[in-house]
Structures are given as structure tokens and as C-alpha cells.
Amino acid sequence: MNSAIPIIQVAEPSDAAPLARLAEKTFTDAFAQFINKSDFERYVAHSFTESQISSELLDSATSFFIAKLQDKWVGYAKLYQSPPPECVKQLPAIELARLYSMQQYLGCGIGAALLEACLDYARNREFKSIWLGSWKENHRGNAFYTKMQFDIIGAKTFTLGSEIQDDYIFARSIHKIL
């Protein structure tokens, strides 16, 4: 474990290739063992290509944050400005679409540092709340969101290939202090 404080930076379009590699690695490490292999491979092949990440980086509704320890990329977060589900009542709201860190850095404060950067971003743009969907079987992630003062406010489904997964919808006020 590394006890250094991560540096958080906003991703630029020129970061597409390394961000795509980080996104694929962290998602694969977190979920590959739980999902049908062919469904998983199709999802990853579509969602984490350099061109897909590049497109997202150029989308004005999307913001990525990269966590670095020394010069190593160890995690990232993605915020997405989209219409929230009806259960999100504190508006305007922004979605925390992704929050991942490298497996060897879990428990080292990477997620908390990324979340704080996301909250600062949202606060500076006058969002009132932040929401996310998280697979109900993602016990470690769900415990983290609870620790970070998110509340379960609803549920939704997420389709990954032929699998339909049940997700919690979490939300929290932007103005709560971590």
C-alpha cells in the first residue's frame, strides 16, 4: 500500500489512449470474474477503446479526472451531465458515471480523492447533488459509497450483453462535507 496523497488532474483529449487502457484494466479487474465472458468482452471492446474514450473526452457533458501517484495513473472518475432518474430530487444533479482505482491501490484513498475532485467540480458548477448507479453485487463499492455519505434512493437495471443486472441508485448532496 502507498500512503502518498494522489494528485488529481482533469483529463485532456490527448489522454485518450492511456485513459482507455486504465479504464479497461480497472473495469476488467473489478468485474470480469462475475460476468459472462463473451458479454464482458463485447462490452469492454466497445466501451474502452481509444476512440470511444476520445469521443467522451470531447463531449462537453463529460469530465474525466485522473488520479496519479508520482507519475503512475492509479485511478479515474467520470462525471456525466444527463437527465437524472426520477428518484433524484435535489436538482440540478450530475452523474458519477465511473469511479475506479487500480486493485493494488484499493483502500489507499484514491477513490476518496477522486470523489472530492468530482464534488468540487460539481459544486463550482452549482449542481445540488451527485448520483450514481452501482451493481447490487458490488459490495466493496457500495460500502465505499455509503462511507462517502451517499444514500440508496432507488434502483435501476443495467444491461451488459445478455445479462440484466440490478443496480442501486445512490445520491448525496454536493454540500455535505466528506
Protein backbone atom coordinates (compact mmCIF):
# COMPACT_ATOMS: atom_id res chain seq x y z
CA MET A 1 0.00 0.00 0.00
CA ASN A 2 1.06 3.51 -0.75
CA SER A 3 0.20 6.22 1.77
CA ALA A 4 1.06 9.15 -0.54
CA ILE A 5 -1.69 11.60 -1.41
CA PRO A 6 -2.74 11.25 -5.04
CA ILE A 7 -2.60 14.17 -7.43
CA ILE A 8 -5.90 14.63 -9.27
CA GLN A 9 -5.93 16.22 -12.70
CA VAL A 10 -8.60 16.85 -15.30
CA ALA A 11 -8.15 14.59 -18.32
CA GLU A 12 -7.45 16.20 -21.69
CA PRO A 13 -8.26 14.83 -25.16
CA SER A 14 -4.58 13.90 -25.53
CA ASP A 15 -5.04 11.48 -22.58
CA ALA A 16 -7.42 9.21 -24.53
CA ALA A 17 -5.02 6.29 -25.11
CA PRO A 18 -3.68 5.91 -21.56
CA LEU A 19 -7.12 6.62 -20.09
CA ALA A 20 -8.66 3.90 -22.28
CA ARG A 21 -6.02 1.42 -21.04
CA LEU A 22 -6.62 2.41 -17.40
CA ALA A 23 -10.41 2.21 -17.82
CA GLU A 24 -10.22 -1.24 -19.40
CA LYS A 25 -7.78 -2.55 -16.78
CA THR A 26 -9.71 -1.28 -13.76
CA PHE A 27 -13.08 -2.44 -15.09
CA THR A 28 -11.70 -5.85 -16.03
CA ASP A 29 -10.05 -6.31 -12.64
CA ALA A 30 -13.25 -5.30 -10.84
CA PHE A 31 -15.85 -7.27 -12.78
CA ALA A 32 -14.50 -9.84 -15.29
CA GLN A 33 -14.87 -12.74 -12.87
CA PHE A 34 -18.57 -12.02 -12.31
CA ILE A 35 -19.88 -11.61 -15.84
CA ASN A 36 -20.39 -13.97 -18.78
CA LYS A 37 -17.09 -13.91 -20.69
CA SER A 38 -18.43 -13.17 -24.17
CA ASP A 39 -20.80 -10.45 -22.90
CA PHE A 40 -17.98 -8.94 -20.91
CA GLU A 41 -15.52 -8.98 -23.81
CA ARG A 42 -18.04 -7.31 -26.16
CA TYR A 43 -18.79 -4.60 -23.60
CA VAL A 44 -15.10 -3.89 -22.97
CA ALA A 45 -14.29 -3.93 -26.71
CA HIS A 46 -16.91 -1.23 -27.25
CA SER A 47 -16.66 0.87 -24.08
CA PHE A 48 -12.93 1.22 -23.50
CA THR A 49 -11.40 1.81 -26.91
CA GLU A 50 -9.22 4.82 -27.50
CA SER A 51 -11.76 6.19 -29.99
CA GLN A 52 -14.66 5.75 -27.54
CA ILE A 53 -12.76 7.45 -24.70
CA SER A 54 -11.59 10.17 -27.09
CA SER A 55 -15.21 10.80 -28.10
CA GLU A 56 -16.22 11.02 -24.44
CA LEU A 57 -13.35 13.40 -23.66
CA LEU A 58 -14.58 15.71 -26.43
CA ASP A 59 -18.17 15.63 -25.16
CA SER A 60 -18.93 18.84 -23.24
CA ALA A 61 -21.30 16.89 -20.97
CA THR A 62 -18.46 14.64 -19.78
CA SER A 63 -15.49 15.32 -17.49
CA PHE A 64 -12.78 12.84 -16.53
CA PHE A 65 -10.42 13.07 -13.57
CA ILE A 66 -7.18 11.09 -13.29
CA ALA A 67 -5.53 10.11 -10.02
CA LYS A 68 -1.74 9.89 -10.08
CA LEU A 69 0.81 8.72 -7.54
CA GLN A 70 4.18 10.03 -8.59
CA ASP A 71 3.75 9.69 -12.36
CA LYS A 72 1.68 6.50 -12.31
CA TRP A 73 -2.01 6.63 -13.22
CA VAL A 74 -3.79 4.74 -10.43
CA GLY A 75 -7.46 5.64 -10.87
CA TYR A 76 -10.01 7.77 -12.62
CA ALA A 77 -13.52 9.17 -12.37
CA LYS A 78 -16.05 10.23 -14.99
CA LEU A 79 -18.82 12.78 -14.45
CA TYR A 80 -21.66 12.97 -16.93
CA GLN A 81 -24.32 15.68 -17.22
CA SER A 82 -27.50 13.86 -18.19
CA PRO A 83 -31.10 13.83 -17.04
CA PRO A 84 -31.15 12.00 -13.68
CA PRO A 85 -33.62 9.27 -12.77
CA GLU A 86 -36.89 10.45 -11.20
CA CYS A 87 -35.81 9.35 -7.72
CA VAL A 88 -33.10 12.06 -7.70
CA LYS A 89 -34.91 15.01 -6.16
CA GLN A 90 -32.13 17.52 -5.46
CA LEU A 91 -31.69 19.25 -8.82
CA PRO A 92 -29.68 20.06 -10.76
CA ALA A 93 -27.79 16.78 -10.38
CA ILE A 94 -24.75 15.29 -12.07
CA GLU A 95 -23.95 11.60 -12.54
CA LEU A 96 -20.80 9.97 -11.23
CA ALA A 97 -20.68 7.56 -14.17
CA ARG A 98 -17.40 5.84 -13.23
CA LEU A 99 -15.03 5.73 -10.27
CA TYR A 100 -12.24 3.15 -10.39
CA SER A 101 -8.78 2.61 -8.99
CA MET A 102 -6.14 0.01 -9.65
CA GLN A 103 -6.68 -3.05 -7.44
CA GLN A 104 -3.35 -2.67 -5.63
CA TYR A 105 -4.39 0.84 -4.52
CA LEU A 106 -7.81 -0.02 -3.10
CA GLY A 107 -8.00 1.36 0.43
CA CYS A 108 -5.30 3.98 -0.22
CA GLY A 109 -7.57 7.00 -0.57
CA ILE A 110 -7.66 7.10 -4.38
CA GLY A 111 -11.46 6.87 -4.55
CA ALA A 112 -11.96 9.49 -1.85
CA ALA A 113 -9.56 11.90 -3.57
CA LEU A 114 -11.29 11.40 -6.92
CA LEU A 115 -14.71 11.84 -5.33
CA GLU A 116 -13.61 15.08 -3.66
CA ALA A 117 -12.41 16.40 -7.04
CA CYS A 118 -15.78 15.46 -8.55
CA LEU A 119 -17.65 17.18 -5.72
CA ASP A 120 -15.54 20.33 -6.12
CA TYR A 121 -16.23 20.34 -9.86
CA ALA A 122 -19.98 19.89 -9.30
CA ARG A 123 -20.09 22.48 -6.51
CA ASN A 124 -18.30 25.05 -8.68
CA ARG A 125 -20.91 24.50 -11.39
CA GLU A 126 -23.78 24.85 -8.91
CA PHE A 127 -25.05 21.28 -9.02
CA LYS A 128 -27.01 20.41 -5.88
CA SER A 129 -26.45 16.65 -5.86
CA ILE A 130 -24.44 13.84 -7.36
CA TRP A 131 -25.90 10.42 -8.19
CA LEU A 132 -24.67 7.08 -9.48
CA GLY A 133 -25.76 3.57 -10.31
CA SER A 134 -23.89 0.67 -8.71
CA TRP A 135 -24.44 -3.05 -9.22
CA LYS A 136 -26.11 -4.53 -6.14
CA GLU A 137 -23.41 -7.24 -6.02
CA ASN A 138 -20.61 -4.64 -5.91
CA HIS A 139 -20.33 -4.94 -2.13
CA ARG A 140 -16.99 -3.18 -1.75
CA GLY A 141 -18.05 -0.27 -3.97
CA ASN A 142 -21.42 0.04 -2.27
CA ALA A 143 -19.76 0.14 1.15
CA PHE A 144 -17.46 2.89 -0.14
CA TYR A 145 -20.39 4.97 -1.42
CA THR A 146 -22.17 4.60 1.92
CA LYS A 147 -18.99 5.66 3.73
CA MET A 148 -18.81 8.69 1.43
CA GLN A 149 -22.31 9.77 2.58
CA PHE A 150 -24.32 8.50 -0.40
CA ASP A 151 -27.79 7.13 0.29
CA ILE A 152 -29.63 4.48 -1.69
CA ILE A 153 -32.61 6.29 -3.19
CA GLY A 154 -33.80 3.89 -5.88
CA ALA A 155 -32.97 1.05 -8.24
CA LYS A 156 -32.49 0.51 -11.95
CA THR A 157 -31.28 -2.16 -14.33
CA PHE A 158 -28.07 -2.18 -16.33
CA THR A 159 -27.78 -4.38 -19.41
CA LEU A 160 -24.39 -5.86 -20.15
CA GLY A 161 -24.77 -8.08 -23.21
CA SER A 162 -27.35 -10.73 -22.39
CA GLU A 163 -27.14 -10.04 -18.66
CA ILE A 164 -29.55 -7.69 -16.94
CA GLN A 165 -28.09 -6.53 -13.65
CA ASP A 166 -29.90 -4.88 -10.76
CA ASP A 167 -28.29 -1.64 -9.63
CA TYR A 168 -28.81 0.65 -6.69
CA ILE A 169 -29.17 4.34 -7.37
CA PHE A 170 -27.17 6.30 -4.82
CA ALA A 171 -27.23 10.08 -4.34
CA ARG A 172 -25.85 12.68 -1.99
CA SER A 173 -25.93 16.40 -1.57
CA ILE A 174 -22.97 18.24 -3.06
CA HIS A 175 -22.75 20.32 0.09
CA LYS A 176 -22.11 17.50 2.56
CA ILE A 177 -18.53 17.55 3.78
CA LEU A 178 -16.53 14.33 3.48
